[in-house]
Amino acid sequence: MEVGTALDPEKIAEKLSGLSRRGKLPGYVPKSGGFLTLAYGWVYDFDLEGTFRRAASETAIAFRLSVKPKMPWIVALSLALSVFPGVWITDSMLSTYFDWYPREFWKTCAWYLPLSILPIPWVWKTAMNRSRAEAEASAQELIERIATEVGGRIGAGGA
């Protein structure tokens, strides 16, 4: 998606900075030739990157949406580090409270690990897809806000 405006890149950056100071452009960071702002997702937030392209009497602001790289790593590490303690806690609890439960750790591992590890890809895919959908909606709102602020019009393409 693009926004076309008659303003030059310096004036656009000035207006976007003002929009950010009013709290209407979250996580705004000016960059050489563009800017970054935050598009909120469900589990993962995304960066909405805007780049300026000057043509004749108009400046086009092109947008690109990308996941913030830190959060998926944190979630993956949390999932990986939480599986084995869960086996130990479950085995300890079942052995303590139920006399009929076998006191053999490997038996708990045999049923607990598949139940906790196999759903991870589906959970990951669901979280990523839903986060992207919500970030795209958030990005659309931000793009409309930016277009209004710079007096531009929204063109075709995809964020």
C-alpha atoms as a PDB file:
ATOM      1  CA  MET A   1       0.000   0.000   0.000  1.00  0.00           C
ATOM      2  CA  GLU A   2       1.189   3.489  -0.748  1.00  0.00           C
ATOM      3  CA  VAL A   3       0.225   6.998   0.239  1.00  0.00           C
ATOM      4  CA  GLY A   4       0.873   9.810  -2.234  1.00  0.00           C
ATOM      5  CA  THR A   5       1.276  13.395  -1.042  1.00  0.00           C
ATOM      6  CA  ALA A   6       2.508  16.719  -2.380  1.00  0.00           C
ATOM      7  CA  LEU A   7       4.727  17.235   0.688  1.00  0.00           C
ATOM      8  CA  ASP A   8       8.466  16.636   0.596  1.00  0.00           C
ATOM      9  CA  PRO A   9      10.042  13.930   2.829  1.00  0.00           C
ATOM     10  CA  GLU A  10      11.317  16.443   5.417  1.00  0.00           C
ATOM     11  CA  LYS A  11       7.853  17.946   5.888  1.00  0.00           C
ATOM     12  CA  ILE A  12       6.309  14.461   6.065  1.00  0.00           C
ATOM     13  CA  ALA A  13       8.791  13.456   8.785  1.00  0.00           C
ATOM     14  CA  GLU A  14       7.960  16.656  10.700  1.00  0.00           C
ATOM     15  CA  LYS A  15       4.212  15.980  10.535  1.00  0.00           C
ATOM     16  CA  LEU A  16       4.642  12.330  11.547  1.00  0.00           C
ATOM     17  CA  SER A  17       6.809  13.360  14.482  1.00  0.00           C
ATOM     18  CA  GLY A  18       4.006  15.667  15.617  1.00  0.00           C
ATOM     19  CA  LEU A  19       1.490  12.848  15.198  1.00  0.00           C
ATOM     20  CA  SER A  20       3.720  10.643  17.353  1.00  0.00           C
ATOM     21  CA  ARG A  21       4.007  13.283  20.080  1.00  0.00           C
ATOM     22  CA  ARG A  22       0.202  13.413  20.231  1.00  0.00           C
ATOM     23  CA  GLY A  23       0.168   9.641  20.841  1.00  0.00           C
ATOM     24  CA  LYS A  24      -1.342   8.728  17.479  1.00  0.00           C
ATOM     25  CA  LEU A  25       1.680   6.924  15.994  1.00  0.00           C
ATOM     26  CA  PRO A  26       3.001   4.290  18.450  1.00  0.00           C
ATOM     27  CA  GLY A  27       6.717   3.512  18.519  1.00  0.00           C
ATOM     28  CA  TYR A  28       7.540   6.089  15.844  1.00  0.00           C
ATOM     29  CA  VAL A  29      11.239   6.127  14.932  1.00  0.00           C
ATOM     30  CA  PRO A  30      12.457   8.343  12.088  1.00  0.00           C
ATOM     31  CA  LYS A  31      14.998   6.727   9.769  1.00  0.00           C
ATOM     32  CA  SER A  32      16.971   7.885   6.788  1.00  0.00           C
ATOM     33  CA  GLY A  33      14.520   7.814   3.904  1.00  0.00           C
ATOM     34  CA  GLY A  34      11.546   6.764   6.006  1.00  0.00           C
ATOM     35  CA  PHE A  35      10.345   5.700   9.446  1.00  0.00           C
ATOM     36  CA  LEU A  36       9.254   2.787  11.622  1.00  0.00           C
ATOM     37  CA  THR A  37       6.111   2.563  13.705  1.00  0.00           C
ATOM     38  CA  LEU A  38       4.423  -0.196  15.681  1.00  0.00           C
ATOM     39  CA  ALA A  39       1.464  -2.216  14.397  1.00  0.00           C
ATOM     40  CA  TYR A  40      -0.127  -4.162  17.234  1.00  0.00           C
ATOM     41  CA  GLY A  41      -0.766  -7.862  16.768  1.00  0.00           C
ATOM     42  CA  TRP A  42      -2.214 -10.559  19.018  1.00  0.00           C
ATOM     43  CA  VAL A  43       0.832 -12.352  20.437  1.00  0.00           C
ATOM     44  CA  TYR A  44       3.454 -10.790  18.188  1.00  0.00           C
ATOM     45  CA  ASP A  45       3.722  -7.109  17.313  1.00  0.00           C
ATOM     46  CA  PHE A  46       4.901  -5.969  13.885  1.00  0.00           C
ATOM     47  CA  ASP A  47       6.985  -3.101  12.531  1.00  0.00           C
ATOM     48  CA  LEU A  48       5.277  -0.959   9.943  1.00  0.00           C
ATOM     49  CA  GLU A  49       8.085   0.487   7.872  1.00  0.00           C
ATOM     50  CA  GLY A  50       7.407   3.482   5.680  1.00  0.00           C
ATOM     51  CA  THR A  51       9.866   4.537   2.977  1.00  0.00           C
ATOM     52  CA  PHE A  52       9.761   7.796   1.044  1.00  0.00           C
ATOM     53  CA  ARG A  53      10.098   7.826  -2.732  1.00  0.00           C
ATOM     54  CA  ARG A  54      10.180  11.242  -4.399  1.00  0.00           C
ATOM     55  CA  ALA A  55       8.782  11.492  -7.926  1.00  0.00           C
ATOM     56  CA  ALA A  56       8.312  14.751  -9.849  1.00  0.00           C
ATOM     57  CA  SER A  57       5.867  16.776  -7.732  1.00  0.00           C
ATOM     58  CA  GLU A  58       4.780  14.011  -5.367  1.00  0.00           C
ATOM     59  CA  THR A  59       6.241  11.882  -2.611  1.00  0.00           C
ATOM     60  CA  ALA A  60       5.043   8.305  -2.270  1.00  0.00           C
ATOM     61  CA  ILE A  61       5.202   6.573   1.098  1.00  0.00           C
ATOM     62  CA  ALA A  62       5.468   2.795   0.600  1.00  0.00           C
ATOM     63  CA  PHE A  63       4.666   0.520   3.542  1.00  0.00           C
ATOM     64  CA  ARG A  64       5.985  -2.888   4.563  1.00  0.00           C
ATOM     65  CA  LEU A  65       4.876  -4.985   7.535  1.00  0.00           C
ATOM     66  CA  SER A  66       7.345  -7.307   9.303  1.00  0.00           C
ATOM     67  CA  VAL A  67       7.211  -9.180  12.600  1.00  0.00           C
ATOM     68  CA  LYS A  68       9.376  -7.802  15.394  1.00  0.00           C
ATOM     69  CA  PRO A  69      12.121 -10.429  15.681  1.00  0.00           C
ATOM     70  CA  LYS A  70      12.524 -10.620  19.456  1.00  0.00           C
ATOM     71  CA  MET A  71       9.105 -11.907  20.577  1.00  0.00           C
ATOM     72  CA  PRO A  72       8.955 -15.119  18.485  1.00  0.00           C
ATOM     73  CA  TRP A  73      12.336 -16.114  19.942  1.00  0.00           C
ATOM     74  CA  ILE A  74      11.117 -15.438  23.485  1.00  0.00           C
ATOM     75  CA  VAL A  75       7.983 -17.536  22.910  1.00  0.00           C
ATOM     76  CA  ALA A  76       9.981 -20.381  21.319  1.00  0.00           C
ATOM     77  CA  LEU A  77      12.472 -20.386  24.193  1.00  0.00           C
ATOM     78  CA  SER A  78       9.650 -20.341  26.769  1.00  0.00           C
ATOM     79  CA  LEU A  79       7.940 -23.277  25.073  1.00  0.00           C
ATOM     80  CA  ALA A  80      11.179 -25.261  24.874  1.00  0.00           C
ATOM     81  CA  LEU A  81      12.167 -24.585  28.479  1.00  0.00           C
ATOM     82  CA  SER A  82       8.738 -25.257  29.960  1.00  0.00           C
ATOM     83  CA  VAL A  83       8.146 -28.766  28.593  1.00  0.00           C
ATOM     84  CA  PHE A  84      10.528 -30.803  30.763  1.00  0.00           C
ATOM     85  CA  PRO A  85       9.706 -29.101  34.104  1.00  0.00           C
ATOM     86  CA  GLY A  86       6.075 -29.815  33.286  1.00  0.00           C
ATOM     87  CA  VAL A  87       6.843 -33.543  33.041  1.00  0.00           C
ATOM     88  CA  TRP A  88       8.589 -33.536  36.396  1.00  0.00           C
ATOM     89  CA  ILE A  89       5.841 -31.541  38.152  1.00  0.00           C
ATOM     90  CA  THR A  90       3.062 -33.680  36.652  1.00  0.00           C
ATOM     91  CA  ASP A  91       4.810 -36.916  37.598  1.00  0.00           C
ATOM     92  CA  SER A  92       5.455 -35.669  41.132  1.00  0.00           C
ATOM     93  CA  MET A  93       1.860 -34.512  41.590  1.00  0.00           C
ATOM     94  CA  LEU A  94       0.259 -37.671  40.215  1.00  0.00           C
ATOM     95  CA  SER A  95       2.555 -39.930  42.246  1.00  0.00           C
ATOM     96  CA  THR A  96       1.859 -37.968  45.439  1.00  0.00           C
ATOM     97  CA  TYR A  97      -1.923 -37.660  45.206  1.00  0.00           C
ATOM     98  CA  PHE A  98      -2.904 -40.915  43.503  1.00  0.00           C
ATOM     99  CA  ASP A  99      -1.771 -44.242  44.934  1.00  0.00           C
ATOM    100  CA  TRP A 100      -2.720 -46.070  41.763  1.00  0.00           C
ATOM    101  CA  TYR A 101      -0.410 -43.964  39.551  1.00  0.00           C
ATOM    102  CA  PRO A 102       2.838 -45.820  38.663  1.00  0.00           C
ATOM    103  CA  ARG A 103       5.949 -44.356  40.275  1.00  0.00           C
ATOM    104  CA  GLU A 104       7.988 -44.628  37.109  1.00  0.00           C
ATOM    105  CA  PHE A 105       9.067 -41.353  35.536  1.00  0.00           C
ATOM    106  CA  TRP A 106       9.416 -42.768  32.011  1.00  0.00           C
ATOM    107  CA  LYS A 107       5.707 -43.624  31.928  1.00  0.00           C
ATOM    108  CA  THR A 108       4.792 -40.010  32.568  1.00  0.00           C
ATOM    109  CA  CYS A 109       7.238 -38.949  29.845  1.00  0.00           C
ATOM    110  CA  ALA A 110       5.654 -41.445  27.437  1.00  0.00           C
ATOM    111  CA  TRP A 111       2.247 -39.729  27.495  1.00  0.00           C
ATOM    112  CA  TYR A 112       3.107 -36.185  28.632  1.00  0.00           C
ATOM    113  CA  LEU A 113       5.738 -35.298  26.025  1.00  0.00           C
ATOM    114  CA  PRO A 114       3.601 -36.138  22.957  1.00  0.00           C
ATOM    115  CA  LEU A 115       0.626 -34.280  24.455  1.00  0.00           C
ATOM    116  CA  SER A 116       2.697 -31.171  25.094  1.00  0.00           C
ATOM    117  CA  ILE A 117       5.037 -31.133  22.069  1.00  0.00           C
ATOM    118  CA  LEU A 118       2.838 -32.240  19.157  1.00  0.00           C
ATOM    119  CA  PRO A 119       0.385 -29.268  19.330  1.00  0.00           C
ATOM    120  CA  ILE A 120       3.193 -26.662  19.292  1.00  0.00           C
ATOM    121  CA  PRO A 121       3.314 -26.201  15.482  1.00  0.00           C
ATOM    122  CA  TRP A 122      -0.456 -25.614  15.320  1.00  0.00           C
ATOM    123  CA  VAL A 123      -0.356 -23.220  18.269  1.00  0.00           C
ATOM    124  CA  TRP A 124       2.569 -21.375  16.642  1.00  0.00           C
ATOM    125  CA  LYS A 125       0.798 -21.132  13.276  1.00  0.00           C
ATOM    126  CA  THR A 126      -2.430 -19.921  14.885  1.00  0.00           C
ATOM    127  CA  ALA A 127      -0.588 -17.291  16.939  1.00  0.00           C
ATOM    128  CA  MET A 128       1.364 -16.052  13.919  1.00  0.00           C
ATOM    129  CA  ASN A 129      -1.667 -15.940  11.596  1.00  0.00           C
ATOM    130  CA  ARG A 130      -3.896 -14.187  14.114  1.00  0.00           C
ATOM    131  CA  SER A 131      -1.107 -11.753  15.034  1.00  0.00           C
ATOM    132  CA  ARG A 132      -0.532 -10.931  11.360  1.00  0.00           C
ATOM    133  CA  ALA A 133      -4.266 -10.385  10.754  1.00  0.00           C
ATOM    134  CA  GLU A 134      -4.560  -8.036  13.730  1.00  0.00           C
ATOM    135  CA  ALA A 135      -1.331  -6.250  12.778  1.00  0.00           C
ATOM    136  CA  GLU A 136      -2.659  -5.740   9.243  1.00  0.00           C
ATOM    137  CA  ALA A 137      -5.810  -4.151  10.665  1.00  0.00           C
ATOM    138  CA  SER A 138      -3.687  -1.976  12.963  1.00  0.00           C
ATOM    139  CA  ALA A 139      -1.424  -1.040  10.037  1.00  0.00           C
ATOM    140  CA  GLN A 140      -4.450  -0.059   7.946  1.00  0.00           C
ATOM    141  CA  GLU A 141      -5.595   2.319  10.703  1.00  0.00           C
ATOM    142  CA  LEU A 142      -2.091   3.792  10.952  1.00  0.00           C
ATOM    143  CA  ILE A 143      -1.831   4.246   7.184  1.00  0.00           C
ATOM    144  CA  GLU A 144      -5.190   6.038   7.110  1.00  0.00           C
ATOM    145  CA  ARG A 145      -4.059   8.251   9.995  1.00  0.00           C
ATOM    146  CA  ILE A 146      -0.779   9.018   8.197  1.00  0.00           C
ATOM    147  CA  ALA A 147      -2.594   9.794   4.925  1.00  0.00           C
ATOM    148  CA  THR A 148      -4.903  12.207   6.733  1.00  0.00           C
ATOM    149  CA  GLU A 149      -1.987  13.905   8.523  1.00  0.00           C
ATOM    150  CA  VAL A 150       0.076  14.473   5.363  1.00  0.00           C
ATOM    151  CA  GLY A 151      -2.929  15.357   3.212  1.00  0.00           C
ATOM    152  CA  GLY A 152      -2.335  12.394   0.938  1.00  0.00           C
ATOM    153  CA  ARG A 153      -4.350   9.727  -0.786  1.00  0.00           C
ATOM    154  CA  ILE A 154      -4.093   5.987  -0.333  1.00  0.00           C
ATOM    155  CA  GLY A 155      -3.087   4.044  -3.433  1.00  0.00           C
ATOM    156  CA  ALA A 156      -3.097   0.355  -4.376  1.00  0.00           C
ATOM    157  CA  GLY A 157      -0.745  -2.395  -3.215  1.00  0.00           C
ATOM    158  CA  GLY A 158      -0.465  -4.460  -0.031  1.00  0.00           C
ATOM    159  CA  ALA A 159       0.942  -3.681   3.421  1.00  0.00           C
END
